[in-house]
């Protein structure tokens, strides 16, 4: 039976409540429209995985201080800003089951709110003299943007290989997960070994998370982010299960599948591509790669003595990669 998130967060339950209060206060603005939209954002209750990672990493490295809360607010602001901007880019109508900000207030407001959230987070770090956080976070924003743009350029040509895939998911997804763990560590220790260990833990966890998400696009009932089965194929995103399958068939068959993905009109093309991946070992290969990164994540924590924080981080790895939807 899969462990529940409520069990994982037990060591930081009170701290997470305090974080939620601090996050709410940080969003406040004297501009009515900003306040209205940010209150709407607070209704979209996510899993708060990123603040959880900051607080657990802080607890594991030392103690959960005010600096840890500022770090947690900063990464949640950044994450929320990227989600708001993503919905504009993807023309998404909903987010976590309710209408997206761009659907309610249109693109202009959504883009500006994303900008507000990002600048607000950075300002909090400046006010707290957390300049080491700023260095880490600005590099992360750069990596996330580059990863997204690399994926867009490769999606147009449909010529993505395994090395490029890992570069994209490392920059797009793993960079922020890694940053959460690094900031948590930095908030409570100067020990370079501990900071590096948690940074590496987050990177491996983020990559395993994304591989799992990509597998679910072929096998799950509905992805964790609420997309229907085959959403990646529809968006012409070439992910690891498909890369492996294309590499292991004759060129003629691989070209046929690529042509099928490019085709907008062919009925049943998505289910045909899914069947192709299922029949050519794509899922098994992607699973084996995810397992390697899970192993790397767990190995990174070996420098820390056993504690409730460490147990929760190890359980979080299982939670993230063993989910079925």
C-alpha atoms as a PDB file:
ATOM      1  CA  UNK A   1       0.000   0.000   0.000  1.00  0.00           C
ATOM      2  CA  UNK A   2       1.370   3.394  -0.966  1.00  0.00           C
ATOM      3  CA  UNK A   3       2.260   5.785   1.839  1.00  0.00           C
ATOM      4  CA  UNK A   4       0.163   8.943   2.092  1.00  0.00           C
ATOM      5  CA  UNK A   5       1.569  12.462   1.857  1.00  0.00           C
ATOM      6  CA  UNK A   6      -0.051  13.267   5.235  1.00  0.00           C
ATOM      7  CA  UNK A   7       2.193  10.598   6.837  1.00  0.00           C
ATOM      8  CA  UNK A   8       5.325  11.911   5.085  1.00  0.00           C
ATOM      9  CA  UNK A   9       4.839  15.467   6.357  1.00  0.00           C
ATOM     10  CA  UNK A  10       4.314  14.444  10.002  1.00  0.00           C
ATOM     11  CA  UNK A  11       7.761  15.660  11.215  1.00  0.00           C
ATOM     12  CA  UNK A  12       7.034  19.129   9.778  1.00  0.00           C
ATOM     13  CA  UNK A  13       3.230  19.332  10.175  1.00  0.00           C
ATOM     14  CA  UNK A  14       3.290  22.432  12.419  1.00  0.00           C
ATOM     15  CA  UNK A  15       6.042  24.039  10.347  1.00  0.00           C
ATOM     16  CA  UNK A  16       4.011  23.526   7.151  1.00  0.00           C
ATOM     17  CA  UNK A  17       1.006  25.257   8.746  1.00  0.00           C
ATOM     18  CA  UNK A  18       3.273  28.170   9.655  1.00  0.00           C
ATOM     19  CA  UNK A  19       4.650  28.208   6.106  1.00  0.00           C
ATOM     20  CA  UNK A  20       1.087  28.419   4.714  1.00  0.00           C
ATOM     21  CA  UNK A  21       0.407  31.473   6.903  1.00  0.00           C
ATOM     22  CA  UNK A  22       3.667  33.136   5.842  1.00  0.00           C
ATOM     23  CA  UNK A  23       2.997  32.372   2.166  1.00  0.00           C
ATOM     24  CA  UNK A  24      -0.482  33.913   2.397  1.00  0.00           C
ATOM     25  CA  UNK A  25       0.901  37.084   4.021  1.00  0.00           C
ATOM     26  CA  UNK A  26       3.703  37.319   1.411  1.00  0.00           C
ATOM     27  CA  UNK A  27       1.162  37.410  -1.430  1.00  0.00           C
ATOM     28  CA  UNK A  28      -0.650  40.485  -0.093  1.00  0.00           C
ATOM     29  CA  UNK A  29      -0.680  43.622  -2.215  1.00  0.00           C
ATOM     30  CA  UNK A  30      -2.204  47.097  -1.953  1.00  0.00           C
ATOM     31  CA  UNK A  31      -3.446  46.730  -5.526  1.00  0.00           C
ATOM     32  CA  UNK A  32      -6.985  45.313  -5.451  1.00  0.00           C
ATOM     33  CA  UNK A  33      -6.701  43.223  -8.617  1.00  0.00           C
ATOM     34  CA  UNK A  34      -3.432  41.625  -7.473  1.00  0.00           C
ATOM     35  CA  UNK A  35      -5.011  40.744  -4.125  1.00  0.00           C
ATOM     36  CA  UNK A  36      -8.066  39.299  -5.846  1.00  0.00           C
ATOM     37  CA  UNK A  37      -6.014  37.059  -8.146  1.00  0.00           C
ATOM     38  CA  UNK A  38      -3.592  35.885  -5.427  1.00  0.00           C
ATOM     39  CA  UNK A  39      -6.552  34.935  -3.189  1.00  0.00           C
ATOM     40  CA  UNK A  40      -7.814  32.872  -6.132  1.00  0.00           C
ATOM     41  CA  UNK A  41      -4.375  31.226  -6.386  1.00  0.00           C
ATOM     42  CA  UNK A  42      -4.587  30.220  -2.712  1.00  0.00           C
ATOM     43  CA  UNK A  43      -7.822  28.341  -3.487  1.00  0.00           C
ATOM     44  CA  UNK A  44      -5.883  26.044  -5.850  1.00  0.00           C
ATOM     45  CA  UNK A  45      -4.567  23.799  -3.126  1.00  0.00           C
ATOM     46  CA  UNK A  46      -1.557  21.892  -4.439  1.00  0.00           C
ATOM     47  CA  UNK A  47       0.452  19.201  -2.678  1.00  0.00           C
ATOM     48  CA  UNK A  48       3.111  21.749  -1.560  1.00  0.00           C
ATOM     49  CA  UNK A  49       5.856  19.211  -2.393  1.00  0.00           C
ATOM     50  CA  UNK A  50       8.434  21.980  -2.882  1.00  0.00           C
ATOM     51  CA  UNK A  51       8.031  23.728   0.505  1.00  0.00           C
ATOM     52  CA  UNK A  52       7.923  20.258   2.095  1.00  0.00           C
ATOM     53  CA  UNK A  53      11.316  19.523   0.501  1.00  0.00           C
ATOM     54  CA  UNK A  54      12.773  22.811   1.785  1.00  0.00           C
ATOM     55  CA  UNK A  55      11.558  22.231   5.351  1.00  0.00           C
ATOM     56  CA  UNK A  56      12.584  18.559   5.499  1.00  0.00           C
ATOM     57  CA  UNK A  57      16.027  19.401   4.059  1.00  0.00           C
ATOM     58  CA  UNK A  58      16.432  22.194   6.619  1.00  0.00           C
ATOM     59  CA  UNK A  59      15.452  19.870   9.466  1.00  0.00           C
ATOM     60  CA  UNK A  60      17.804  17.172   8.202  1.00  0.00           C
ATOM     61  CA  UNK A  61      20.760  19.602   7.968  1.00  0.00           C
ATOM     62  CA  UNK A  62      20.222  21.434  11.248  1.00  0.00           C
ATOM     63  CA  UNK A  63      17.128  23.270  12.385  1.00  0.00           C
ATOM     64  CA  UNK A  64      14.116  24.889  10.719  1.00  0.00           C
ATOM     65  CA  UNK A  65      14.719  28.633  11.130  1.00  0.00           C
ATOM     66  CA  UNK A  66      13.102  31.812   9.767  1.00  0.00           C
ATOM     67  CA  UNK A  67      15.552  31.539   6.883  1.00  0.00           C
ATOM     68  CA  UNK A  68      14.096  28.125   5.983  1.00  0.00           C
ATOM     69  CA  UNK A  69      10.596  29.635   5.836  1.00  0.00           C
ATOM     70  CA  UNK A  70      11.835  32.447   3.590  1.00  0.00           C
ATOM     71  CA  UNK A  71      13.429  29.840   1.332  1.00  0.00           C
ATOM     72  CA  UNK A  72      10.209  27.813   1.244  1.00  0.00           C
ATOM     73  CA  UNK A  73       8.134  30.910   0.374  1.00  0.00           C
ATOM     74  CA  UNK A  74      10.657  31.882  -2.321  1.00  0.00           C
ATOM     75  CA  UNK A  75      10.522  28.500  -4.113  1.00  0.00           C
ATOM     76  CA  UNK A  76       6.724  28.283  -3.847  1.00  0.00           C
ATOM     77  CA  UNK A  77       6.434  31.798  -5.321  1.00  0.00           C
ATOM     78  CA  UNK A  78       8.751  30.795  -8.164  1.00  0.00           C
ATOM     79  CA  UNK A  79       6.892  27.522  -8.751  1.00  0.00           C
ATOM     80  CA  UNK A  80       3.483  29.266  -8.745  1.00  0.00           C
ATOM     81  CA  UNK A  81       4.770  31.927 -11.167  1.00  0.00           C
ATOM     82  CA  UNK A  82       5.957  29.235 -13.596  1.00  0.00           C
ATOM     83  CA  UNK A  83       2.579  27.453 -13.407  1.00  0.00           C
ATOM     84  CA  UNK A  84       0.715  30.692 -14.164  1.00  0.00           C
ATOM     85  CA  UNK A  85       3.010  31.406 -17.122  1.00  0.00           C
ATOM     86  CA  UNK A  86       2.812  27.777 -18.328  1.00  0.00           C
ATOM     87  CA  UNK A  87      -0.982  27.997 -18.466  1.00  0.00           C
ATOM     88  CA  UNK A  88      -0.671  31.061 -20.709  1.00  0.00           C
ATOM     89  CA  UNK A  89       1.881  29.347 -22.978  1.00  0.00           C
ATOM     90  CA  UNK A  90      -0.239  26.160 -23.165  1.00  0.00           C
ATOM     91  CA  UNK A  91      -3.553  28.069 -23.421  1.00  0.00           C
ATOM     92  CA  UNK A  92      -4.750  25.861 -20.527  1.00  0.00           C
ATOM     93  CA  UNK A  93      -8.337  26.367 -19.450  1.00  0.00           C
ATOM     94  CA  UNK A  94      -8.026  24.729 -16.017  1.00  0.00           C
ATOM     95  CA  UNK A  95      -5.477  24.251 -13.233  1.00  0.00           C
ATOM     96  CA  UNK A  96      -6.072  21.675 -10.470  1.00  0.00           C
ATOM     97  CA  UNK A  97      -9.706  21.288 -11.454  1.00  0.00           C
ATOM     98  CA  UNK A  98     -10.683  24.975 -11.456  1.00  0.00           C
ATOM     99  CA  UNK A  99     -10.486  27.578 -14.247  1.00  0.00           C
ATOM    100  CA  UNK A 100      -6.929  28.860 -14.797  1.00  0.00           C
ATOM    101  CA  UNK A 101      -6.020  32.521 -14.203  1.00  0.00           C
ATOM    102  CA  UNK A 102      -5.719  33.162 -17.942  1.00  0.00           C
ATOM    103  CA  UNK A 103      -9.184  31.635 -18.456  1.00  0.00           C
ATOM    104  CA  UNK A 104     -10.722  33.958 -15.838  1.00  0.00           C
ATOM    105  CA  UNK A 105      -8.700  37.188 -16.270  1.00  0.00           C
ATOM    106  CA  UNK A 106      -7.118  36.692 -19.726  1.00  0.00           C
ATOM    107  CA  UNK A 107      -3.437  36.398 -20.697  1.00  0.00           C
ATOM    108  CA  UNK A 108      -2.261  39.926 -19.904  1.00  0.00           C
ATOM    109  CA  UNK A 109      -3.250  39.709 -16.237  1.00  0.00           C
ATOM    110  CA  UNK A 110      -1.907  36.138 -15.966  1.00  0.00           C
ATOM    111  CA  UNK A 111       1.535  37.104 -17.337  1.00  0.00           C
ATOM    112  CA  UNK A 112       1.744  40.147 -15.035  1.00  0.00           C
ATOM    113  CA  UNK A 113       0.683  38.098 -11.993  1.00  0.00           C
ATOM    114  CA  UNK A 114       3.421  35.574 -12.808  1.00  0.00           C
ATOM    115  CA  UNK A 115       5.905  38.454 -12.970  1.00  0.00           C
ATOM    116  CA  UNK A 116       4.573  39.826  -9.662  1.00  0.00           C
ATOM    117  CA  UNK A 117       4.997  36.459  -7.912  1.00  0.00           C
ATOM    118  CA  UNK A 118       8.550  36.034  -9.179  1.00  0.00           C
ATOM    119  CA  UNK A 119       9.627  39.566  -8.218  1.00  0.00           C
ATOM    120  CA  UNK A 120       7.860  39.279  -4.833  1.00  0.00           C
ATOM    121  CA  UNK A 121       9.789  36.102  -4.059  1.00  0.00           C
ATOM    122  CA  UNK A 122      13.102  37.674  -5.071  1.00  0.00           C
ATOM    123  CA  UNK A 123      12.311  40.779  -3.000  1.00  0.00           C
ATOM    124  CA  UNK A 124      11.684  38.665   0.108  1.00  0.00           C
ATOM    125  CA  UNK A 125      15.111  37.063  -0.352  1.00  0.00           C
ATOM    126  CA  UNK A 126      16.738  40.518  -0.733  1.00  0.00           C
ATOM    127  CA  UNK A 127      14.958  41.823   2.398  1.00  0.00           C
ATOM    128  CA  UNK A 128      16.192  38.797   4.336  1.00  0.00           C
ATOM    129  CA  UNK A 129      19.763  39.182   2.997  1.00  0.00           C
ATOM    130  CA  UNK A 130      19.486  35.664   1.578  1.00  0.00           C
ATOM    131  CA  UNK A 131      21.822  36.418  -1.320  1.00  0.00           C
ATOM    132  CA  UNK A 132      22.984  32.807  -1.561  1.00  0.00           C
ATOM    133  CA  UNK A 133      19.335  31.857  -2.218  1.00  0.00           C
ATOM    134  CA  UNK A 134      19.161  34.462  -4.988  1.00  0.00           C
ATOM    135  CA  UNK A 135      22.213  33.033  -6.735  1.00  0.00           C
ATOM    136  CA  UNK A 136      20.698  29.533  -6.657  1.00  0.00           C
ATOM    137  CA  UNK A 137      17.202  30.624  -7.722  1.00  0.00           C
ATOM    138  CA  UNK A 138      18.255  32.896 -10.597  1.00  0.00           C
ATOM    139  CA  UNK A 139      20.326  30.047 -12.037  1.00  0.00           C
ATOM    140  CA  UNK A 140      17.258  27.787 -11.694  1.00  0.00           C
ATOM    141  CA  UNK A 141      14.999  30.244 -13.552  1.00  0.00           C
ATOM    142  CA  UNK A 142      17.607  30.389 -16.339  1.00  0.00           C
ATOM    143  CA  UNK A 143      17.800  26.567 -16.519  1.00  0.00           C
ATOM    144  CA  UNK A 144      14.003  26.154 -16.512  1.00  0.00           C
ATOM    145  CA  UNK A 145      13.628  28.683 -19.346  1.00  0.00           C
ATOM    146  CA  UNK A 146      16.436  27.087 -21.393  1.00  0.00           C
ATOM    147  CA  UNK A 147      14.986  23.602 -20.858  1.00  0.00           C
ATOM    148  CA  UNK A 148      11.553  24.711 -22.026  1.00  0.00           C
ATOM    149  CA  UNK A 149      12.969  26.485 -25.095  1.00  0.00           C
ATOM    150  CA  UNK A 150      15.172  23.491 -25.971  1.00  0.00           C
ATOM    151  CA  UNK A 151      12.109  21.252 -25.779  1.00  0.00           C
ATOM    152  CA  UNK A 152      10.126  23.611 -28.038  1.00  0.00           C
ATOM    153  CA  UNK A 153      12.913  23.689 -30.658  1.00  0.00           C
ATOM    154  CA  UNK A 154      13.256  19.889 -30.583  1.00  0.00           C
ATOM    155  CA  UNK A 155       9.484  19.342 -30.696  1.00  0.00           C
ATOM    156  CA  UNK A 156       9.348  21.302 -33.955  1.00  0.00           C
ATOM    157  CA  UNK A 157      11.917  19.009 -35.573  1.00  0.00           C
ATOM    158  CA  UNK A 158      10.995  15.797 -33.675  1.00  0.00           C
ATOM    159  CA  UNK A 159      14.687  14.862 -33.534  1.00  0.00           C
ATOM    160  CA  UNK A 160      15.233  14.394 -29.804  1.00  0.00           C
ATOM    161  CA  UNK A 161      17.715  11.788 -28.542  1.00  0.00           C
ATOM    162  CA  UNK A 162      18.244  10.376 -25.048  1.00  0.00           C
ATOM    163  CA  UNK A 163      21.014  12.817 -24.113  1.00  0.00           C
ATOM    164  CA  UNK A 164      18.858  15.810 -25.099  1.00  0.00           C
ATOM    165  CA  UNK A 165      15.861  14.345 -23.236  1.00  0.00           C
ATOM    166  CA  UNK A 166      17.859  14.151 -19.999  1.00  0.00           C
ATOM    167  CA  UNK A 167      19.182  17.694 -20.519  1.00  0.00           C
ATOM    168  CA  UNK A 168      15.610  18.971 -20.958  1.00  0.00           C
ATOM    169  CA  UNK A 169      14.139  17.239 -17.893  1.00  0.00           C
ATOM    170  CA  UNK A 170      17.154  18.090 -15.758  1.00  0.00           C
ATOM    171  CA  UNK A 171      16.724  21.793 -16.565  1.00  0.00           C
ATOM    172  CA  UNK A 172      12.929  21.934 -16.762  1.00  0.00           C
ATOM    173  CA  UNK A 173      11.923  19.812 -13.779  1.00  0.00           C
ATOM    174  CA  UNK A 174      14.853  18.605 -11.685  1.00  0.00           C
ATOM    175  CA  UNK A 175      16.480  22.034 -11.318  1.00  0.00           C
ATOM    176  CA  UNK A 176      13.669  23.373  -9.104  1.00  0.00           C
ATOM    177  CA  UNK A 177      13.392  20.183  -6.999  1.00  0.00           C
ATOM    178  CA  UNK A 178      17.175  20.312  -6.532  1.00  0.00           C
ATOM    179  CA  UNK A 179      16.968  23.995  -5.592  1.00  0.00           C
ATOM    180  CA  UNK A 180      14.345  23.277  -2.892  1.00  0.00           C
ATOM    181  CA  UNK A 181      16.656  20.764  -1.212  1.00  0.00           C
ATOM    182  CA  UNK A 182      19.738  22.971  -1.612  1.00  0.00           C
ATOM    183  CA  UNK A 183      18.008  26.042  -0.171  1.00  0.00           C
ATOM    184  CA  UNK A 184      16.683  23.967   2.750  1.00  0.00           C
ATOM    185  CA  UNK A 185      20.229  22.798   3.485  1.00  0.00           C
ATOM    186  CA  UNK A 186      21.730  26.277   3.069  1.00  0.00           C
ATOM    187  CA  UNK A 187      19.175  27.707   5.502  1.00  0.00           C
ATOM    188  CA  UNK A 188      20.523  25.578   8.358  1.00  0.00           C
ATOM    189  CA  UNK A 189      24.162  24.649   7.631  1.00  0.00           C
ATOM    190  CA  UNK A 190      27.394  25.840   6.007  1.00  0.00           C
ATOM    191  CA  UNK A 191      28.600  22.249   5.572  1.00  0.00           C
ATOM    192  CA  UNK A 192      29.375  21.947   1.844  1.00  0.00           C
ATOM    193  CA  UNK A 193      29.054  18.132   1.931  1.00  0.00           C
ATOM    194  CA  UNK A 194      25.524  18.319   3.344  1.00  0.00           C
ATOM    195  CA  UNK A 195      24.479  21.059   0.904  1.00  0.00           C
ATOM    196  CA  UNK A 196      25.881  19.113  -2.082  1.00  0.00           C
ATOM    197  CA  UNK A 197      24.312  15.844  -0.904  1.00  0.00           C
ATOM    198  CA  UNK A 198      20.842  17.409  -0.705  1.00  0.00           C
ATOM    199  CA  UNK A 199      21.294  19.265  -3.995  1.00  0.00           C
ATOM    200  CA  UNK A 200      22.181  15.930  -5.681  1.00  0.00           C
ATOM    201  CA  UNK A 201      19.291  14.195  -3.912  1.00  0.00           C
ATOM    202  CA  UNK A 202      16.870  16.761  -5.357  1.00  0.00           C
ATOM    203  CA  UNK A 203      18.327  16.491  -8.868  1.00  0.00           C
ATOM    204  CA  UNK A 204      17.980  12.680  -8.904  1.00  0.00           C
ATOM    205  CA  UNK A 205      14.497  12.852  -7.381  1.00  0.00           C
ATOM    206  CA  UNK A 206      13.401  15.434  -9.981  1.00  0.00           C
ATOM    207  CA  UNK A 207      14.638  13.320 -12.893  1.00  0.00           C
ATOM    208  CA  UNK A 208      12.970  10.161 -11.509  1.00  0.00           C
ATOM    209  CA  UNK A 209       9.762  12.180 -10.997  1.00  0.00           C
ATOM    210  CA  UNK A 210       9.730  13.388 -14.613  1.00  0.00           C
ATOM    211  CA  UNK A 211      10.509   9.952 -16.088  1.00  0.00           C
ATOM    212  CA  UNK A 212       7.621   8.555 -14.024  1.00  0.00           C
ATOM    213  CA  UNK A 213       5.346  11.335 -15.257  1.00  0.00           C
ATOM    214  CA  UNK A 214       6.324  10.540 -18.853  1.00  0.00           C
ATOM    215  CA  UNK A 215       5.616   6.822 -18.304  1.00  0.00           C
ATOM    216  CA  UNK A 216       2.166   7.683 -16.926  1.00  0.00           C
ATOM    217  CA  UNK A 217       1.355   9.428 -20.197  1.00  0.00           C
ATOM    218  CA  UNK A 218       1.409   5.953 -21.760  1.00  0.00           C
ATOM    219  CA  UNK A 219       0.121   3.823 -18.887  1.00  0.00           C
ATOM    220  CA  UNK A 220      -1.818   5.973 -16.381  1.00  0.00           C
ATOM    221  CA  UNK A 221      -5.535   6.686 -16.341  1.00  0.00           C
ATOM    222  CA  UNK A 222      -4.929  10.388 -15.921  1.00  0.00           C
ATOM    223  CA  UNK A 223      -1.655  12.144 -15.311  1.00  0.00           C
ATOM    224  CA  UNK A 224      -0.884  13.753 -11.983  1.00  0.00           C
ATOM    225  CA  UNK A 225      -1.089  17.137 -13.716  1.00  0.00           C
ATOM    226  CA  UNK A 226      -4.563  16.322 -14.993  1.00  0.00           C
ATOM    227  CA  UNK A 227      -3.816  15.674 -18.661  1.00  0.00           C
ATOM    228  CA  UNK A 228      -5.526  12.835 -20.527  1.00  0.00           C
ATOM    229  CA  UNK A 229      -3.615   9.744 -21.630  1.00  0.00           C
ATOM    230  CA  UNK A 230      -1.365  10.452 -24.610  1.00  0.00           C
ATOM    231  CA  UNK A 231      -1.219  14.196 -23.936  1.00  0.00           C
ATOM    232  CA  UNK A 232       2.507  14.312 -24.684  1.00  0.00           C
ATOM    233  CA  UNK A 233       1.994  12.613 -28.064  1.00  0.00           C
ATOM    234  CA  UNK A 234      -0.743  15.089 -28.915  1.00  0.00           C
ATOM    235  CA  UNK A 235       1.663  17.939 -28.072  1.00  0.00           C
ATOM    236  CA  UNK A 236       4.402  16.156 -30.117  1.00  0.00           C
ATOM    237  CA  UNK A 237       6.629  15.775 -27.044  1.00  0.00           C
ATOM    238  CA  UNK A 238       9.120  12.965 -27.558  1.00  0.00           C
ATOM    239  CA  UNK A 239       9.857  11.426 -24.140  1.00  0.00           C
ATOM    240  CA  UNK A 240      12.018   8.524 -22.943  1.00  0.00           C
ATOM    241  CA  UNK A 241       9.593   5.603 -23.560  1.00  0.00           C
ATOM    242  CA  UNK A 242       9.173   6.727 -27.189  1.00  0.00           C
ATOM    243  CA  UNK A 243      12.881   7.586 -27.722  1.00  0.00           C
ATOM    244  CA  UNK A 244      13.892   4.069 -26.678  1.00  0.00           C
ATOM    245  CA  UNK A 245      11.169   2.398 -28.767  1.00  0.00           C
ATOM    246  CA  UNK A 246      12.082   4.391 -31.908  1.00  0.00           C
ATOM    247  CA  UNK A 247      15.760   3.516 -31.452  1.00  0.00           C
ATOM    248  CA  UNK A 248      15.006  -0.210 -31.291  1.00  0.00           C
ATOM    249  CA  UNK A 249      13.004  -0.707 -34.471  1.00  0.00           C
ATOM    250  CA  UNK A 250      13.935  -0.524 -38.149  1.00  0.00           C
ATOM    251  CA  UNK A 251      14.327   2.968 -39.592  1.00  0.00           C
ATOM    252  CA  UNK A 252      11.298   2.505 -41.847  1.00  0.00           C
ATOM    253  CA  UNK A 253       9.046   1.724 -38.847  1.00  0.00           C
ATOM    254  CA  UNK A 254      10.532   4.583 -36.800  1.00  0.00           C
ATOM    255  CA  UNK A 255       9.847   7.023 -39.667  1.00  0.00           C
ATOM    256  CA  UNK A 256       6.263   5.750 -39.918  1.00  0.00           C
ATOM    257  CA  UNK A 257       5.684   6.469 -36.209  1.00  0.00           C
ATOM    258  CA  UNK A 258       7.263   9.941 -36.467  1.00  0.00           C
ATOM    259  CA  UNK A 259       5.000  10.681 -39.455  1.00  0.00           C
ATOM    260  CA  UNK A 260       2.033   9.482 -37.389  1.00  0.00           C
ATOM    261  CA  UNK A 261       2.924  11.856 -34.538  1.00  0.00           C
ATOM    262  CA  UNK A 262       3.248  14.755 -36.996  1.00  0.00           C
ATOM    263  CA  UNK A 263      -0.146  13.958 -38.500  1.00  0.00           C
ATOM    264  CA  UNK A 264      -2.898  16.150 -37.060  1.00  0.00           C
ATOM    265  CA  UNK A 265      -5.840  14.405 -38.651  1.00  0.00           C
ATOM    266  CA  UNK A 266      -5.301  10.626 -38.483  1.00  0.00           C
ATOM    267  CA  UNK A 267      -7.915   9.128 -36.181  1.00  0.00           C
ATOM    268  CA  UNK A 268      -6.600   6.706 -33.589  1.00  0.00           C
ATOM    269  CA  UNK A 269      -2.997   7.876 -34.087  1.00  0.00           C
ATOM    270  CA  UNK A 270      -2.442   8.445 -30.354  1.00  0.00           C
ATOM    271  CA  UNK A 271      -3.547   4.941 -29.358  1.00  0.00           C
ATOM    272  CA  UNK A 272      -1.386   3.538 -32.182  1.00  0.00           C
ATOM    273  CA  UNK A 273       1.702   5.362 -30.857  1.00  0.00           C
ATOM    274  CA  UNK A 274       0.902   4.205 -27.299  1.00  0.00           C
ATOM    275  CA  UNK A 275       0.630   0.578 -28.522  1.00  0.00           C
ATOM    276  CA  UNK A 276       3.930   0.972 -30.394  1.00  0.00           C
ATOM    277  CA  UNK A 277       5.699   2.058 -27.186  1.00  0.00           C
ATOM    278  CA  UNK A 278       4.042  -0.665 -25.081  1.00  0.00           C
ATOM    279  CA  UNK A 279       5.095  -3.343 -27.608  1.00  0.00           C
ATOM    280  CA  UNK A 280       8.713  -2.210 -28.016  1.00  0.00           C
ATOM    281  CA  UNK A 281      10.002  -2.115 -24.451  1.00  0.00           C
ATOM    282  CA  UNK A 282       9.758   1.654 -23.987  1.00  0.00           C
ATOM    283  CA  UNK A 283       7.991   1.461 -20.625  1.00  0.00           C
ATOM    284  CA  UNK A 284      10.338  -1.172 -19.173  1.00  0.00           C
ATOM    285  CA  UNK A 285      13.398   0.792 -20.258  1.00  0.00           C
ATOM    286  CA  UNK A 286      12.093   4.077 -18.817  1.00  0.00           C
ATOM    287  CA  UNK A 287      11.205   2.283 -15.548  1.00  0.00           C
ATOM    288  CA  UNK A 288      14.764   0.895 -15.324  1.00  0.00           C
ATOM    289  CA  UNK A 289      16.188   4.407 -15.793  1.00  0.00           C
ATOM    290  CA  UNK A 290      13.855   5.821 -13.121  1.00  0.00           C
ATOM    291  CA  UNK A 291      15.030   3.088 -10.712  1.00  0.00           C
ATOM    292  CA  UNK A 292      18.666   4.158 -11.242  1.00  0.00           C
ATOM    293  CA  UNK A 293      17.865   7.748 -10.318  1.00  0.00           C
ATOM    294  CA  UNK A 294      15.820   6.619  -7.293  1.00  0.00           C
ATOM    295  CA  UNK A 295      18.874   4.657  -6.175  1.00  0.00           C
ATOM    296  CA  UNK A 296      21.092   7.750  -6.663  1.00  0.00           C
ATOM    297  CA  UNK A 297      18.649   9.886  -4.645  1.00  0.00           C
ATOM    298  CA  UNK A 298      18.639   7.409  -1.754  1.00  0.00           C
ATOM    299  CA  UNK A 299      22.448   7.065  -1.874  1.00  0.00           C
ATOM    300  CA  UNK A 300      22.857  10.860  -1.560  1.00  0.00           C
ATOM    301  CA  UNK A 301      21.206  10.800   1.875  1.00  0.00           C
ATOM    302  CA  UNK A 302      23.670   8.275   3.298  1.00  0.00           C
ATOM    303  CA  UNK A 303      25.861  11.105   4.636  1.00  0.00           C
ATOM    304  CA  UNK A 304      23.100  11.966   7.133  1.00  0.00           C
ATOM    305  CA  UNK A 305      22.327  10.024  10.327  1.00  0.00           C
ATOM    306  CA  UNK A 306      18.873   8.454  10.655  1.00  0.00           C
ATOM    307  CA  UNK A 307      16.134  10.863  11.726  1.00  0.00           C
ATOM    308  CA  UNK A 308      12.408  11.456  11.126  1.00  0.00           C
ATOM    309  CA  UNK A 309      13.401  14.043   8.459  1.00  0.00           C
ATOM    310  CA  UNK A 310      15.557  11.529   6.612  1.00  0.00           C
ATOM    311  CA  UNK A 311      12.809   8.879   6.785  1.00  0.00           C
ATOM    312  CA  UNK A 312      10.304  11.347   5.345  1.00  0.00           C
ATOM    313  CA  UNK A 313      12.604  12.285   2.442  1.00  0.00           C
ATOM    314  CA  UNK A 314      13.138   8.596   1.601  1.00  0.00           C
ATOM    315  CA  UNK A 315       9.381   8.014   1.815  1.00  0.00           C
ATOM    316  CA  UNK A 316       8.826  11.033  -0.436  1.00  0.00           C
ATOM    317  CA  UNK A 317      10.980   9.360  -3.108  1.00  0.00           C
ATOM    318  CA  UNK A 318       8.675   6.320  -2.993  1.00  0.00           C
ATOM    319  CA  UNK A 319       5.577   8.534  -2.993  1.00  0.00           C
ATOM    320  CA  UNK A 320       6.695  10.502  -6.044  1.00  0.00           C
ATOM    321  CA  UNK A 321       7.838   7.589  -8.192  1.00  0.00           C
ATOM    322  CA  UNK A 322       5.318   4.906  -7.262  1.00  0.00           C
ATOM    323  CA  UNK A 323       2.193   6.950  -7.855  1.00  0.00           C
ATOM    324  CA  UNK A 324      -0.286   5.534 -10.320  1.00  0.00           C
ATOM    325  CA  UNK A 325      -1.860   8.802 -11.482  1.00  0.00           C
END
